[in-house]
Amino acid sequence: MVRIVGLSRGRKWHRADGGVDIRLYRPGEQRAFAVVQCKAWTNWVGAKVVRELAEVVSGEEVETGYFVTTSAFTRDALNDRAAQKATLIDGAEFVRRFN
């Protein structure tokens, strides 16, 4: 997963609770700089869950968030201003980054 969001090896990461699947840390830092939400869905991901991730980004005061899904995002989710706080990675982009 770390490679999927564009980070190199050697970054510290772990699974987390509370609506966040992964928190990402830079070497030597105790505070996460990003959160990752993963959804293995067949249905489209809507604006509501993207906004929820944006709220977590703000609430945890991290630099950014990543929303990774095996499906796709609705037009509303892609156009939502809250989505600007997160990188949205759909199933096709996930596969492209994985290869």
Protein backbone atom coordinates (compact mmCIF):
# COMPACT_ATOMS: atom_id res chain seq x y z
CA MET A 1 0.00 0.00 0.00
CA VAL A 2 2.84 2.39 0.75
CA ARG A 3 4.03 2.08 -2.86
CA ILE A 4 0.49 2.64 -4.15
CA VAL A 5 0.26 6.10 -2.56
CA GLY A 6 3.66 7.00 -3.99
CA LEU A 7 5.99 6.62 -1.03
CA SER A 8 9.31 4.88 -1.04
CA ARG A 9 10.27 1.98 1.17
CA GLY A 10 11.49 2.79 4.61
CA ARG A 11 8.50 4.87 5.67
CA LYS A 12 6.87 3.82 8.92
CA TRP A 13 3.19 2.92 8.65
CA HIS A 14 0.63 0.94 10.61
CA ARG A 15 -3.02 0.01 10.52
CA ALA A 16 -5.25 2.15 12.66
CA ASP A 17 -8.79 2.37 13.96
CA GLY A 18 -11.43 5.09 13.86
CA GLY A 19 -12.24 5.23 10.15
CA VAL A 20 -8.58 5.37 9.11
CA ASP A 21 -6.95 2.24 7.79
CA ILE A 22 -3.35 3.43 7.68
CA ARG A 23 -1.39 6.34 9.17
CA LEU A 24 1.84 7.27 7.41
CA TYR A 25 4.93 8.61 9.19
CA ARG A 26 8.19 10.08 7.93
CA PRO A 27 11.38 8.50 9.29
CA GLY A 28 12.15 9.78 12.77
CA GLU A 29 8.80 11.53 13.22
CA GLN A 30 6.23 10.57 15.83
CA ARG A 31 3.33 12.41 14.20
CA ALA A 32 1.59 11.05 11.10
CA PHE A 33 1.72 13.24 8.01
CA ALA A 34 -1.06 11.40 6.15
CA VAL A 35 -3.99 9.06 6.63
CA VAL A 36 -5.25 6.42 4.23
CA GLN A 37 -8.80 5.09 3.90
CA CYS A 38 -9.21 1.86 1.90
CA LYS A 39 -12.50 0.50 0.55
CA ALA A 40 -12.84 -2.74 -1.39
CA TRP A 41 -16.22 -1.79 -2.80
CA THR A 42 -18.03 -2.74 -5.98
CA ASN A 43 -20.35 0.28 -5.73
CA TRP A 44 -19.23 3.81 -6.59
CA VAL A 45 -17.73 5.88 -3.77
CA GLY A 46 -19.77 9.03 -3.15
CA ALA A 47 -19.01 12.50 -1.88
CA LYS A 48 -20.18 11.73 1.67
CA VAL A 49 -17.36 9.30 2.48
CA VAL A 50 -14.79 11.54 0.77
CA ARG A 51 -15.96 14.44 2.97
CA GLU A 52 -15.64 12.18 6.02
CA LEU A 53 -11.99 11.55 5.13
CA ALA A 54 -11.45 15.30 4.65
CA GLU A 55 -12.84 15.84 8.16
CA VAL A 56 -10.36 13.30 9.53
CA VAL A 57 -7.50 15.07 7.71
CA SER A 58 -8.54 18.35 9.34
CA GLY A 59 -9.28 16.83 12.73
CA GLU A 60 -5.99 14.95 12.96
CA GLU A 61 -4.10 17.93 11.52
CA VAL A 62 -2.23 15.84 8.97
CA GLU A 63 -0.98 17.20 5.65
CA THR A 64 -3.11 15.03 3.42
CA GLY A 65 -5.27 11.96 3.04
CA TYR A 66 -5.52 9.18 0.50
CA PHE A 67 -8.76 7.41 -0.37
CA VAL A 68 -8.08 4.13 -2.16
CA THR A 69 -10.90 2.03 -3.59
CA THR A 70 -11.24 -0.96 -5.86
CA SER A 71 -14.25 0.67 -7.53
CA ALA A 72 -14.65 4.27 -8.78
CA PHE A 73 -15.67 7.68 -7.47
CA THR A 74 -18.91 9.44 -8.37
CA ARG A 75 -18.70 12.74 -10.22
CA ASP A 76 -19.93 14.45 -7.04
CA ALA A 77 -17.07 12.90 -5.05
CA LEU A 78 -14.51 13.99 -7.63
CA ASN A 79 -15.89 17.53 -7.79
CA ASP A 80 -16.46 18.01 -4.05
CA ARG A 81 -14.26 20.75 -2.60
CA ALA A 82 -13.55 18.52 0.40
CA ALA A 83 -11.88 16.05 -1.97
CA GLN A 84 -9.09 18.60 -2.42
CA LYS A 85 -7.76 17.53 0.98
CA ALA A 86 -7.25 14.00 -0.30
CA THR A 87 -5.78 12.09 -3.18
CA LEU A 88 -8.48 9.85 -4.67
CA ILE A 89 -7.22 6.57 -6.12
CA ASP A 90 -9.81 4.44 -7.92
CA GLY A 91 -9.48 0.80 -8.95
CA ALA A 92 -7.95 1.53 -12.36
CA GLU A 93 -5.37 3.92 -10.87
CA PHE A 94 -4.66 1.43 -8.08
CA VAL A 95 -3.82 -1.26 -10.64
CA ARG A 96 -1.73 1.18 -12.70
CA ARG A 97 0.31 2.18 -9.64
CA PHE A 98 0.69 -1.41 -8.51
CA ASN A 99 2.27 -2.55 -11.77
